[in-house]
Amino acid sequence: MVKEKKPARILLLIPLLAALLLFSPHAATAQGLGEEGGFTLSEELRIEINEVGDAHITDVIEYDQAWFDEYGYLFEENPNLLSRRYRSDSNVGEVEDFDVDINARKATITISFDTPGLAYYLSGGWTVFGYGNRSPVRESDDELVLEAAWTLNNEWTLFEPMELEERVIIDLPAGAQEAHFDEDSGALTYRLPVAETGKGFLAAHKTMMIIIFSLLMALSFLLLLYLFTRRPASGRPAAVTPSIMPPAAPGTTPPVMEGAGKTQTEGTGIPGQEAGVSAPTPSFCSKCGYPRASAQERFCRKCGAPHG
């Protein structure tokens, strides 16, 4: 009977040894590294939007410790692997002040940066696009929380398929109202009465001012075109009809034209000479040259010589 109990005891020990080998920590780690897609990661994306639509983003990614111990150093050597996602396949238009903090002990990567103009001001208020295929968990006027599950295969996983659990927290600016998330379009809309009240006259009447400025520019262009294309006025002076004095009657003193003495003094000639008209010749004393007062004068008033 003793010989029959030994084989039975050996058969009972074999499953116990197999279980110890199967569930040992070393065997579990080796099995996890060998299975493709056996790792998971979680992401918490926090978006803080200010009153003008700019945002500060903090993204925390948590990896499986075993996988990160094996491959986490690659992110320290190639930090561009972490920024490529935001610059290509996301709704972020511009990345500023990009910063990365890698914590190997906790197997986490914290990414933070600023992006201007994440929220757009449209006719119905402010709108944030790009969060489709996510389910709202909490929705209020100051915060929106979304959750989603993905199979991720990009730079973050070093192109190894991993299951991702994502949590998006959007903090709206103070005073936001009527916040609403549309699951079909993935857009968040809200109103900010303080910002709308503080906008200036030009922003409140943007359409009208665009039309007025467009008309003013068109009128200015037409006026400039007219100034460059109009014909200059003719520079030829108008014809001047010369004054012709009739000859003096015999025995009378010929009238003297106004300014005739000045013209002769300045040496410009006798008036009417240019037009071919002979002006009456005044009488002078034949001895001293003093002019005669009239044709009836018989003696010179200066030298007393008789006029011939």
C-alpha atoms as a PDB file:
ATOM      1  CA  MET A   1       0.000   0.000   0.000  1.00  0.00           C
ATOM      2  CA  VAL A   2       2.899   2.306   0.663  1.00  0.00           C
ATOM      3  CA  LYS A   3       4.240   1.857  -2.855  1.00  0.00           C
ATOM      4  CA  GLU A   4       0.860   2.853  -4.304  1.00  0.00           C
ATOM      5  CA  LYS A   5       0.735   6.211  -2.362  1.00  0.00           C
ATOM      6  CA  LYS A   6       4.042   7.629  -3.728  1.00  0.00           C
ATOM      7  CA  PRO A   7       2.900   8.023  -7.363  1.00  0.00           C
ATOM      8  CA  ALA A   8      -0.273   9.744  -6.161  1.00  0.00           C
ATOM      9  CA  ARG A   9       1.715  12.316  -4.152  1.00  0.00           C
ATOM     10  CA  ILE A  10       3.946  13.054  -7.144  1.00  0.00           C
ATOM     11  CA  LEU A  11       0.892  13.635  -9.342  1.00  0.00           C
ATOM     12  CA  LEU A  12      -0.446  16.176  -6.834  1.00  0.00           C
ATOM     13  CA  LEU A  13       2.839  18.140  -6.759  1.00  0.00           C
ATOM     14  CA  ILE A  14       3.029  18.598 -10.553  1.00  0.00           C
ATOM     15  CA  PRO A  15       0.020  21.042 -10.838  1.00  0.00           C
ATOM     16  CA  LEU A  16       1.283  23.036  -7.869  1.00  0.00           C
ATOM     17  CA  LEU A  17       4.710  23.561  -9.469  1.00  0.00           C
ATOM     18  CA  ALA A  18       3.117  24.542 -12.774  1.00  0.00           C
ATOM     19  CA  ALA A  19       0.902  27.115 -11.036  1.00  0.00           C
ATOM     20  CA  LEU A  20       3.912  28.642  -9.244  1.00  0.00           C
ATOM     21  CA  LEU A  21       5.825  28.988 -12.493  1.00  0.00           C
ATOM     22  CA  LEU A  22       2.832  30.433 -14.340  1.00  0.00           C
ATOM     23  CA  PHE A  23       1.959  33.146 -11.805  1.00  0.00           C
ATOM     24  CA  SER A  24       5.474  34.151 -10.801  1.00  0.00           C
ATOM     25  CA  PRO A  25       6.263  37.929 -11.376  1.00  0.00           C
ATOM     26  CA  HIS A  26       9.119  37.225 -13.732  1.00  0.00           C
ATOM     27  CA  ALA A  27       7.014  34.997 -15.917  1.00  0.00           C
ATOM     28  CA  ALA A  28       4.172  37.535 -16.018  1.00  0.00           C
ATOM     29  CA  THR A  29       6.527  40.328 -17.153  1.00  0.00           C
ATOM     30  CA  ALA A  30       8.073  38.191 -19.837  1.00  0.00           C
ATOM     31  CA  GLN A  31       4.666  37.162 -21.084  1.00  0.00           C
ATOM     32  CA  GLY A  32       3.479  40.804 -21.203  1.00  0.00           C
ATOM     33  CA  LEU A  33       6.482  41.963 -23.205  1.00  0.00           C
ATOM     34  CA  GLY A  34       6.000  39.118 -25.633  1.00  0.00           C
ATOM     35  CA  GLU A  35       2.301  39.663 -26.384  1.00  0.00           C
ATOM     36  CA  GLU A  36       1.513  42.258 -29.046  1.00  0.00           C
ATOM     37  CA  GLY A  37      -1.120  44.775 -27.960  1.00  0.00           C
ATOM     38  CA  GLY A  38      -1.154  43.571 -24.398  1.00  0.00           C
ATOM     39  CA  PHE A  39      -0.399  47.016 -22.917  1.00  0.00           C
ATOM     40  CA  THR A  40      -2.731  49.888 -22.127  1.00  0.00           C
ATOM     41  CA  LEU A  41      -2.299  53.584 -21.453  1.00  0.00           C
ATOM     42  CA  SER A  42      -4.528  56.326 -20.105  1.00  0.00           C
ATOM     43  CA  GLU A  43      -4.652  60.004 -21.008  1.00  0.00           C
ATOM     44  CA  GLU A  44      -6.076  63.021 -19.210  1.00  0.00           C
ATOM     45  CA  LEU A  45      -6.257  66.083 -21.453  1.00  0.00           C
ATOM     46  CA  ARG A  46      -7.092  69.349 -19.668  1.00  0.00           C
ATOM     47  CA  ILE A  47      -7.921  72.423 -21.789  1.00  0.00           C
ATOM     48  CA  GLU A  48      -8.189  75.812 -20.062  1.00  0.00           C
ATOM     49  CA  ILE A  49      -9.782  78.452 -22.304  1.00  0.00           C
ATOM     50  CA  ASN A  50      -9.577  82.183 -21.543  1.00  0.00           C
ATOM     51  CA  GLU A  51     -12.031  84.964 -22.448  1.00  0.00           C
ATOM     52  CA  VAL A  52     -10.517  85.586 -25.914  1.00  0.00           C
ATOM     53  CA  GLY A  53     -10.474  81.951 -27.065  1.00  0.00           C
ATOM     54  CA  ASP A  54      -6.813  81.133 -26.357  1.00  0.00           C
ATOM     55  CA  ALA A  55      -6.081  77.915 -24.469  1.00  0.00           C
ATOM     56  CA  HIS A  56      -3.470  76.350 -22.201  1.00  0.00           C
ATOM     57  CA  ILE A  57      -3.311  72.558 -22.608  1.00  0.00           C
ATOM     58  CA  THR A  58      -1.929  70.006 -20.158  1.00  0.00           C
ATOM     59  CA  ASP A  59      -1.803  66.398 -21.351  1.00  0.00           C
ATOM     60  CA  VAL A  60      -0.849  63.589 -18.943  1.00  0.00           C
ATOM     61  CA  ILE A  61      -0.177  60.113 -20.450  1.00  0.00           C
ATOM     62  CA  GLU A  62       0.264  57.150 -18.136  1.00  0.00           C
ATOM     63  CA  TYR A  63       1.889  53.930 -19.478  1.00  0.00           C
ATOM     64  CA  ASP A  64       2.208  50.390 -18.194  1.00  0.00           C
ATOM     65  CA  GLN A  65       5.251  50.353 -15.957  1.00  0.00           C
ATOM     66  CA  ALA A  66       6.807  47.258 -17.586  1.00  0.00           C
ATOM     67  CA  TRP A  67       6.547  48.705 -21.092  1.00  0.00           C
ATOM     68  CA  PHE A  68       7.843  52.132 -20.013  1.00  0.00           C
ATOM     69  CA  ASP A  69      10.821  50.598 -18.226  1.00  0.00           C
ATOM     70  CA  GLU A  70      11.728  48.898 -21.482  1.00  0.00           C
ATOM     71  CA  TYR A  71      11.130  51.700 -24.001  1.00  0.00           C
ATOM     72  CA  GLY A  72      10.588  54.962 -22.103  1.00  0.00           C
ATOM     73  CA  TYR A  73      14.138  56.179 -22.727  1.00  0.00           C
ATOM     74  CA  LEU A  74      13.292  56.630 -26.419  1.00  0.00           C
ATOM     75  CA  PHE A  75      11.047  59.593 -25.591  1.00  0.00           C
ATOM     76  CA  GLU A  76      13.894  61.308 -23.761  1.00  0.00           C
ATOM     77  CA  GLU A  77      16.173  60.825 -26.743  1.00  0.00           C
ATOM     78  CA  ASN A  78      13.498  61.866 -29.296  1.00  0.00           C
ATOM     79  CA  PRO A  79      11.116  64.435 -27.720  1.00  0.00           C
ATOM     80  CA  ASN A  80       9.714  65.309 -31.153  1.00  0.00           C
ATOM     81  CA  LEU A  81       7.807  62.011 -31.001  1.00  0.00           C
ATOM     82  CA  LEU A  82       5.547  63.630 -28.416  1.00  0.00           C
ATOM     83  CA  SER A  83       4.940  66.935 -30.241  1.00  0.00           C
ATOM     84  CA  ARG A  84       4.242  65.449 -33.667  1.00  0.00           C
ATOM     85  CA  ARG A  85       0.684  64.491 -32.758  1.00  0.00           C
ATOM     86  CA  TYR A  86      -0.332  68.070 -31.955  1.00  0.00           C
ATOM     87  CA  ARG A  87       1.275  69.482 -35.082  1.00  0.00           C
ATOM     88  CA  SER A  88      -0.397  67.081 -37.525  1.00  0.00           C
ATOM     89  CA  ASP A  89      -3.555  65.144 -36.618  1.00  0.00           C
ATOM     90  CA  SER A  90      -5.330  67.292 -34.028  1.00  0.00           C
ATOM     91  CA  ASN A  91      -7.538  70.363 -33.887  1.00  0.00           C
ATOM     92  CA  VAL A  92      -4.654  72.451 -32.500  1.00  0.00           C
ATOM     93  CA  GLY A  93      -3.626  75.067 -35.032  1.00  0.00           C
ATOM     94  CA  GLU A  94      -0.504  76.516 -33.401  1.00  0.00           C
ATOM     95  CA  VAL A  95       1.758  75.266 -30.609  1.00  0.00           C
ATOM     96  CA  GLU A  96       3.609  77.715 -28.337  1.00  0.00           C
ATOM     97  CA  ASP A  97       5.821  77.180 -25.261  1.00  0.00           C
ATOM     98  CA  PHE A  98       5.898  73.395 -25.678  1.00  0.00           C
ATOM     99  CA  ASP A  99       7.229  71.590 -22.585  1.00  0.00           C
ATOM    100  CA  VAL A 100       7.644  67.889 -21.675  1.00  0.00           C
ATOM    101  CA  ASP A 101       8.166  66.308 -18.240  1.00  0.00           C
ATOM    102  CA  ILE A 102       9.010  62.568 -18.213  1.00  0.00           C
ATOM    103  CA  ASN A 103       8.633  60.710 -14.913  1.00  0.00           C
ATOM    104  CA  ALA A 104      10.163  57.240 -15.326  1.00  0.00           C
ATOM    105  CA  ARG A 105       9.314  56.197 -11.761  1.00  0.00           C
ATOM    106  CA  LYS A 106       5.586  56.726 -12.334  1.00  0.00           C
ATOM    107  CA  ALA A 107       5.738  55.836 -16.063  1.00  0.00           C
ATOM    108  CA  THR A 108       4.027  59.126 -16.982  1.00  0.00           C
ATOM    109  CA  ILE A 109       4.670  61.884 -19.505  1.00  0.00           C
ATOM    110  CA  THR A 110       3.246  65.377 -18.908  1.00  0.00           C
ATOM    111  CA  ILE A 111       2.983  67.662 -21.923  1.00  0.00           C
ATOM    112  CA  SER A 112       1.985  71.336 -21.671  1.00  0.00           C
ATOM    113  CA  PHE A 113       1.749  74.119 -24.243  1.00  0.00           C
ATOM    114  CA  ASP A 114      -0.314  77.160 -25.305  1.00  0.00           C
ATOM    115  CA  THR A 115      -2.409  77.418 -28.449  1.00  0.00           C
ATOM    116  CA  PRO A 116      -3.992  80.743 -29.535  1.00  0.00           C
ATOM    117  CA  GLY A 117      -7.444  80.817 -31.091  1.00  0.00           C
ATOM    118  CA  LEU A 118      -8.656  77.361 -30.103  1.00  0.00           C
ATOM    119  CA  ALA A 119     -12.203  78.729 -29.656  1.00  0.00           C
ATOM    120  CA  TYR A 120     -13.812  80.617 -32.555  1.00  0.00           C
ATOM    121  CA  TYR A 121     -16.198  83.532 -32.065  1.00  0.00           C
ATOM    122  CA  LEU A 122     -19.121  82.986 -34.451  1.00  0.00           C
ATOM    123  CA  SER A 123     -22.568  84.544 -34.765  1.00  0.00           C
ATOM    124  CA  GLY A 124     -24.050  82.159 -32.198  1.00  0.00           C
ATOM    125  CA  GLY A 125     -21.263  82.620 -29.649  1.00  0.00           C
ATOM    126  CA  TRP A 126     -17.959  80.825 -29.010  1.00  0.00           C
ATOM    127  CA  THR A 127     -17.318  77.389 -30.564  1.00  0.00           C
ATOM    128  CA  VAL A 128     -14.631  74.732 -29.949  1.00  0.00           C
ATOM    129  CA  PHE A 129     -14.361  72.070 -32.674  1.00  0.00           C
ATOM    130  CA  GLY A 130     -12.723  68.649 -32.918  1.00  0.00           C
ATOM    131  CA  TYR A 131     -14.041  66.443 -30.117  1.00  0.00           C
ATOM    132  CA  GLY A 132     -16.205  63.960 -31.969  1.00  0.00           C
ATOM    133  CA  ASN A 133     -16.627  60.284 -30.958  1.00  0.00           C
ATOM    134  CA  ARG A 134     -16.503  61.259 -27.287  1.00  0.00           C
ATOM    135  CA  SER A 135     -19.268  60.930 -24.718  1.00  0.00           C
ATOM    136  CA  PRO A 136     -20.043  63.709 -22.218  1.00  0.00           C
ATOM    137  CA  VAL A 137     -19.739  62.650 -18.594  1.00  0.00           C
ATOM    138  CA  ARG A 138     -20.302  66.033 -16.926  1.00  0.00           C
ATOM    139  CA  GLU A 139     -21.585  69.177 -18.597  1.00  0.00           C
ATOM    140  CA  SER A 140     -21.978  72.583 -16.955  1.00  0.00           C
ATOM    141  CA  ASP A 141     -21.419  76.260 -17.759  1.00  0.00           C
ATOM    142  CA  ASP A 142     -17.883  76.216 -16.422  1.00  0.00           C
ATOM    143  CA  GLU A 143     -16.636  72.700 -17.286  1.00  0.00           C
ATOM    144  CA  LEU A 144     -17.160  69.881 -19.756  1.00  0.00           C
ATOM    145  CA  VAL A 145     -15.836  66.353 -19.178  1.00  0.00           C
ATOM    146  CA  LEU A 146     -15.654  63.847 -22.050  1.00  0.00           C
ATOM    147  CA  GLU A 147     -14.524  60.230 -22.143  1.00  0.00           C
ATOM    148  CA  ALA A 148     -13.590  57.839 -24.927  1.00  0.00           C
ATOM    149  CA  ALA A 149     -11.761  54.544 -25.576  1.00  0.00           C
ATOM    150  CA  TRP A 150      -9.441  54.030 -28.526  1.00  0.00           C
ATOM    151  CA  THR A 151      -6.901  51.661 -29.973  1.00  0.00           C
ATOM    152  CA  LEU A 152      -3.871  53.894 -30.364  1.00  0.00           C
ATOM    153  CA  ASN A 153      -1.044  53.193 -32.798  1.00  0.00           C
ATOM    154  CA  ASN A 154       1.200  56.213 -33.341  1.00  0.00           C
ATOM    155  CA  GLU A 155       4.331  57.926 -32.029  1.00  0.00           C
ATOM    156  CA  TRP A 156       3.050  57.789 -28.439  1.00  0.00           C
ATOM    157  CA  THR A 157       3.019  53.984 -28.515  1.00  0.00           C
ATOM    158  CA  LEU A 158       6.095  53.695 -30.768  1.00  0.00           C
ATOM    159  CA  PHE A 159       3.693  52.335 -33.400  1.00  0.00           C
ATOM    160  CA  GLU A 160       2.593  49.411 -31.262  1.00  0.00           C
ATOM    161  CA  PRO A 161      -1.202  48.968 -30.864  1.00  0.00           C
ATOM    162  CA  MET A 162      -2.365  49.851 -27.356  1.00  0.00           C
ATOM    163  CA  GLU A 163      -5.753  50.355 -25.778  1.00  0.00           C
ATOM    164  CA  LEU A 164      -6.235  53.971 -24.719  1.00  0.00           C
ATOM    165  CA  GLU A 165      -8.671  55.327 -22.149  1.00  0.00           C
ATOM    166  CA  GLU A 166      -9.021  59.072 -22.734  1.00  0.00           C
ATOM    167  CA  ARG A 167     -10.514  61.723 -20.471  1.00  0.00           C
ATOM    168  CA  VAL A 168     -10.914  65.296 -21.770  1.00  0.00           C
ATOM    169  CA  ILE A 169     -11.604  68.154 -19.342  1.00  0.00           C
ATOM    170  CA  ILE A 170     -12.457  71.548 -20.868  1.00  0.00           C
ATOM    171  CA  ASP A 171     -12.431  74.460 -18.414  1.00  0.00           C
ATOM    172  CA  LEU A 172     -14.489  77.374 -19.772  1.00  0.00           C
ATOM    173  CA  PRO A 173     -13.721  81.022 -18.924  1.00  0.00           C
ATOM    174  CA  ALA A 174     -15.384  82.686 -15.950  1.00  0.00           C
ATOM    175  CA  GLY A 175     -18.851  83.967 -16.782  1.00  0.00           C
ATOM    176  CA  ALA A 176     -19.550  81.458 -19.571  1.00  0.00           C
ATOM    177  CA  GLN A 177     -23.220  80.630 -20.132  1.00  0.00           C
ATOM    178  CA  GLU A 178     -25.385  78.252 -22.184  1.00  0.00           C
ATOM    179  CA  ALA A 179     -22.586  75.707 -22.680  1.00  0.00           C
ATOM    180  CA  HIS A 180     -23.681  72.828 -24.906  1.00  0.00           C
ATOM    181  CA  PHE A 181     -21.813  69.876 -26.422  1.00  0.00           C
ATOM    182  CA  ASP A 182     -23.089  68.393 -29.693  1.00  0.00           C
ATOM    183  CA  GLU A 183     -22.076  64.730 -29.886  1.00  0.00           C
ATOM    184  CA  ASP A 184     -22.829  64.488 -33.629  1.00  0.00           C
ATOM    185  CA  SER A 185     -20.483  67.300 -34.655  1.00  0.00           C
ATOM    186  CA  GLY A 186     -18.101  67.096 -31.684  1.00  0.00           C
ATOM    187  CA  ALA A 187     -18.396  70.869 -31.137  1.00  0.00           C
ATOM    188  CA  LEU A 188     -18.754  72.741 -27.860  1.00  0.00           C
ATOM    189  CA  THR A 189     -20.625  76.063 -27.926  1.00  0.00           C
ATOM    190  CA  TYR A 190     -20.985  78.647 -25.178  1.00  0.00           C
ATOM    191  CA  ARG A 191     -21.706  82.337 -24.718  1.00  0.00           C
ATOM    192  CA  LEU A 192     -19.645  84.902 -22.859  1.00  0.00           C
ATOM    193  CA  PRO A 193     -21.838  87.985 -22.211  1.00  0.00           C
ATOM    194  CA  VAL A 194     -18.999  89.978 -20.595  1.00  0.00           C
ATOM    195  CA  ALA A 195     -16.824  89.731 -23.719  1.00  0.00           C
ATOM    196  CA  GLU A 196     -19.785  90.431 -26.028  1.00  0.00           C
ATOM    197  CA  THR A 197     -20.784  93.560 -24.070  1.00  0.00           C
ATOM    198  CA  GLY A 198     -17.233  94.913 -24.067  1.00  0.00           C
ATOM    199  CA  LYS A 199     -16.705  94.686 -27.809  1.00  0.00           C
ATOM    200  CA  GLY A 200     -16.343  97.974 -29.652  1.00  0.00           C
ATOM    201  CA  PHE A 201     -18.517  99.681 -32.256  1.00  0.00           C
ATOM    202  CA  LEU A 202     -16.548  98.240 -35.177  1.00  0.00           C
ATOM    203  CA  ALA A 203     -16.928  94.659 -33.951  1.00  0.00           C
ATOM    204  CA  ALA A 204     -20.650  95.133 -33.294  1.00  0.00           C
ATOM    205  CA  HIS A 205     -21.270  96.527 -36.818  1.00  0.00           C
ATOM    206  CA  LYS A 206     -18.620  94.600 -38.718  1.00  0.00           C
ATOM    207  CA  THR A 207     -20.736  93.892 -41.825  1.00  0.00           C
ATOM    208  CA  MET A 208     -21.870  97.486 -42.243  1.00  0.00           C
ATOM    209  CA  MET A 209     -18.348  98.856 -41.753  1.00  0.00           C
ATOM    210  CA  ILE A 210     -16.933  96.446 -44.336  1.00  0.00           C
ATOM    211  CA  ILE A 211     -19.450  97.718 -46.916  1.00  0.00           C
ATOM    212  CA  ILE A 212     -18.720 101.387 -46.119  1.00  0.00           C
ATOM    213  CA  PHE A 213     -14.941 100.964 -46.289  1.00  0.00           C
ATOM    214  CA  SER A 214     -15.248  99.038 -49.567  1.00  0.00           C
ATOM    215  CA  LEU A 215     -17.264 101.876 -51.154  1.00  0.00           C
ATOM    216  CA  LEU A 216     -14.769 104.476 -49.926  1.00  0.00           C
ATOM    217  CA  MET A 217     -11.881 102.533 -51.416  1.00  0.00           C
ATOM    218  CA  ALA A 218     -13.715 102.232 -54.760  1.00  0.00           C
ATOM    219  CA  LEU A 219     -14.431 105.995 -54.854  1.00  0.00           C
ATOM    220  CA  SER A 220     -10.820 106.788 -53.993  1.00  0.00           C
ATOM    221  CA  PHE A 221      -9.622 104.566 -56.816  1.00  0.00           C
ATOM    222  CA  LEU A 222     -11.953 106.258 -59.344  1.00  0.00           C
ATOM    223  CA  LEU A 223     -10.798 109.724 -58.220  1.00  0.00           C
ATOM    224  CA  LEU A 224      -7.160 108.714 -58.548  1.00  0.00           C
ATOM    225  CA  LEU A 225      -7.837 107.283 -62.000  1.00  0.00           C
ATOM    226  CA  TYR A 226      -9.508 110.543 -63.091  1.00  0.00           C
ATOM    227  CA  LEU A 227      -6.572 112.664 -61.894  1.00  0.00           C
ATOM    228  CA  PHE A 228      -4.087 110.581 -63.874  1.00  0.00           C
ATOM    229  CA  THR A 229      -6.115 110.351 -67.099  1.00  0.00           C
ATOM    230  CA  ARG A 230      -7.688 113.842 -67.496  1.00  0.00           C
ATOM    231  CA  ARG A 231      -6.380 116.160 -70.324  1.00  0.00           C
ATOM    232  CA  PRO A 232      -4.400 119.244 -69.276  1.00  0.00           C
ATOM    233  CA  ALA A 233      -5.894 122.687 -70.126  1.00  0.00           C
ATOM    234  CA  SER A 234      -4.565 124.572 -73.207  1.00  0.00           C
ATOM    235  CA  GLY A 235      -1.698 126.965 -72.322  1.00  0.00           C
ATOM    236  CA  ARG A 236      -2.172 129.398 -75.290  1.00  0.00           C
ATOM    237  CA  PRO A 237      -3.161 132.886 -74.038  1.00  0.00           C
ATOM    238  CA  ALA A 238      -6.310 134.499 -75.310  1.00  0.00           C
ATOM    239  CA  ALA A 239      -5.950 137.014 -78.148  1.00  0.00           C
ATOM    240  CA  VAL A 240      -5.891 140.679 -77.089  1.00  0.00           C
ATOM    241  CA  THR A 241      -7.474 143.200 -79.372  1.00  0.00           C
ATOM    242  CA  PRO A 242      -5.145 146.235 -79.656  1.00  0.00           C
ATOM    243  CA  SER A 243      -6.594 149.643 -78.963  1.00  0.00           C
ATOM    244  CA  ILE A 244      -6.380 151.834 -82.080  1.00  0.00           C
ATOM    245  CA  MET A 245      -6.565 155.551 -81.444  1.00  0.00           C
ATOM    246  CA  PRO A 246      -8.163 157.644 -84.195  1.00  0.00           C
ATOM    247  CA  PRO A 247      -5.980 160.405 -85.620  1.00  0.00           C
ATOM    248  CA  ALA A 248      -6.391 163.772 -84.005  1.00  0.00           C
ATOM    249  CA  ALA A 249      -8.345 166.379 -85.904  1.00  0.00           C
ATOM    250  CA  PRO A 250      -6.384 169.360 -87.280  1.00  0.00           C
ATOM    251  CA  GLY A 251      -5.897 172.050 -84.684  1.00  0.00           C
ATOM    252  CA  THR A 252      -6.540 169.769 -81.686  1.00  0.00           C
ATOM    253  CA  THR A 253      -4.222 168.081 -79.160  1.00  0.00           C
ATOM    254  CA  PRO A 254      -4.121 164.306 -79.629  1.00  0.00           C
ATOM    255  CA  PRO A 255      -5.225 162.396 -76.533  1.00  0.00           C
ATOM    256  CA  VAL A 256      -2.514 160.728 -74.535  1.00  0.00           C
ATOM    257  CA  MET A 257      -3.097 157.046 -73.702  1.00  0.00           C
ATOM    258  CA  GLU A 258      -2.965 156.098 -70.054  1.00  0.00           C
ATOM    259  CA  GLY A 259       0.449 154.627 -69.310  1.00  0.00           C
ATOM    260  CA  ALA A 260       1.954 155.824 -72.604  1.00  0.00           C
ATOM    261  CA  GLY A 261       4.600 157.862 -70.842  1.00  0.00           C
ATOM    262  CA  LYS A 262       5.482 154.943 -68.606  1.00  0.00           C
ATOM    263  CA  THR A 263       5.763 152.650 -71.590  1.00  0.00           C
ATOM    264  CA  GLN A 264       8.106 154.982 -73.396  1.00  0.00           C
ATOM    265  CA  THR A 265      10.171 155.521 -70.286  1.00  0.00           C
ATOM    266  CA  GLU A 266      10.578 151.761 -69.797  1.00  0.00           C
ATOM    267  CA  GLY A 267      11.682 151.405 -73.418  1.00  0.00           C
ATOM    268  CA  THR A 268       8.954 149.058 -74.514  1.00  0.00           C
ATOM    269  CA  GLY A 269       8.058 151.105 -77.565  1.00  0.00           C
ATOM    270  CA  ILE A 270       5.109 153.231 -78.554  1.00  0.00           C
ATOM    271  CA  PRO A 271       1.724 151.595 -77.967  1.00  0.00           C
ATOM    272  CA  GLY A 272       0.160 150.159 -81.088  1.00  0.00           C
ATOM    273  CA  GLN A 273       3.505 149.711 -82.821  1.00  0.00           C
ATOM    274  CA  GLU A 274       3.317 145.890 -82.549  1.00  0.00           C
ATOM    275  CA  ALA A 275      -0.075 145.876 -84.238  1.00  0.00           C
ATOM    276  CA  GLY A 276       1.237 147.914 -87.201  1.00  0.00           C
ATOM    277  CA  VAL A 277      -0.635 151.140 -86.291  1.00  0.00           C
ATOM    278  CA  SER A 278       1.272 154.459 -86.454  1.00  0.00           C
ATOM    279  CA  ALA A 279       0.749 156.484 -83.305  1.00  0.00           C
ATOM    280  CA  PRO A 280       0.484 160.328 -83.669  1.00  0.00           C
ATOM    281  CA  THR A 281       3.872 161.968 -83.309  1.00  0.00           C
ATOM    282  CA  PRO A 282       3.951 164.631 -80.549  1.00  0.00           C
ATOM    283  CA  SER A 283       5.440 168.065 -81.336  1.00  0.00           C
ATOM    284  CA  PHE A 284       8.655 169.160 -79.626  1.00  0.00           C
ATOM    285  CA  CYS A 285      10.717 172.292 -79.565  1.00  0.00           C
ATOM    286  CA  SER A 286      13.181 172.165 -82.450  1.00  0.00           C
ATOM    287  CA  LYS A 287      15.824 173.881 -80.317  1.00  0.00           C
ATOM    288  CA  CYS A 288      15.685 172.327 -76.841  1.00  0.00           C
ATOM    289  CA  GLY A 289      13.317 169.383 -77.463  1.00  0.00           C
ATOM    290  CA  TYR A 290      10.814 170.368 -74.807  1.00  0.00           C
ATOM    291  CA  PRO A 291       7.346 169.099 -75.741  1.00  0.00           C
ATOM    292  CA  ARG A 292       4.729 171.540 -76.931  1.00  0.00           C
ATOM    293  CA  ALA A 293       1.569 171.854 -74.911  1.00  0.00           C
ATOM    294  CA  SER A 294      -0.607 172.236 -77.994  1.00  0.00           C
ATOM    295  CA  ALA A 295      -0.407 172.810 -81.697  1.00  0.00           C
ATOM    296  CA  GLN A 296      -1.380 176.434 -81.190  1.00  0.00           C
ATOM    297  CA  GLU A 297       1.672 177.097 -78.984  1.00  0.00           C
ATOM    298  CA  ARG A 298       3.986 179.484 -80.934  1.00  0.00           C
ATOM    299  CA  PHE A 299       6.938 179.812 -78.500  1.00  0.00           C
ATOM    300  CA  CYS A 300       8.726 177.214 -76.411  1.00  0.00           C
ATOM    301  CA  ARG A 301       7.849 177.442 -72.732  1.00  0.00           C
ATOM    302  CA  LYS A 302      11.344 176.471 -71.714  1.00  0.00           C
ATOM    303  CA  CYS A 303      13.804 178.226 -74.024  1.00  0.00           C
ATOM    304  CA  GLY A 304      11.405 180.765 -75.629  1.00  0.00           C
ATOM    305  CA  ALA A 305      12.422 179.816 -79.171  1.00  0.00           C
ATOM    306  CA  PRO A 306       9.660 180.229 -81.766  1.00  0.00           C
ATOM    307  CA  HIS A 307       8.093 177.037 -83.083  1.00  0.00           C
ATOM    308  CA  GLY A 308       8.511 176.672 -86.838  1.00  0.00           C
END
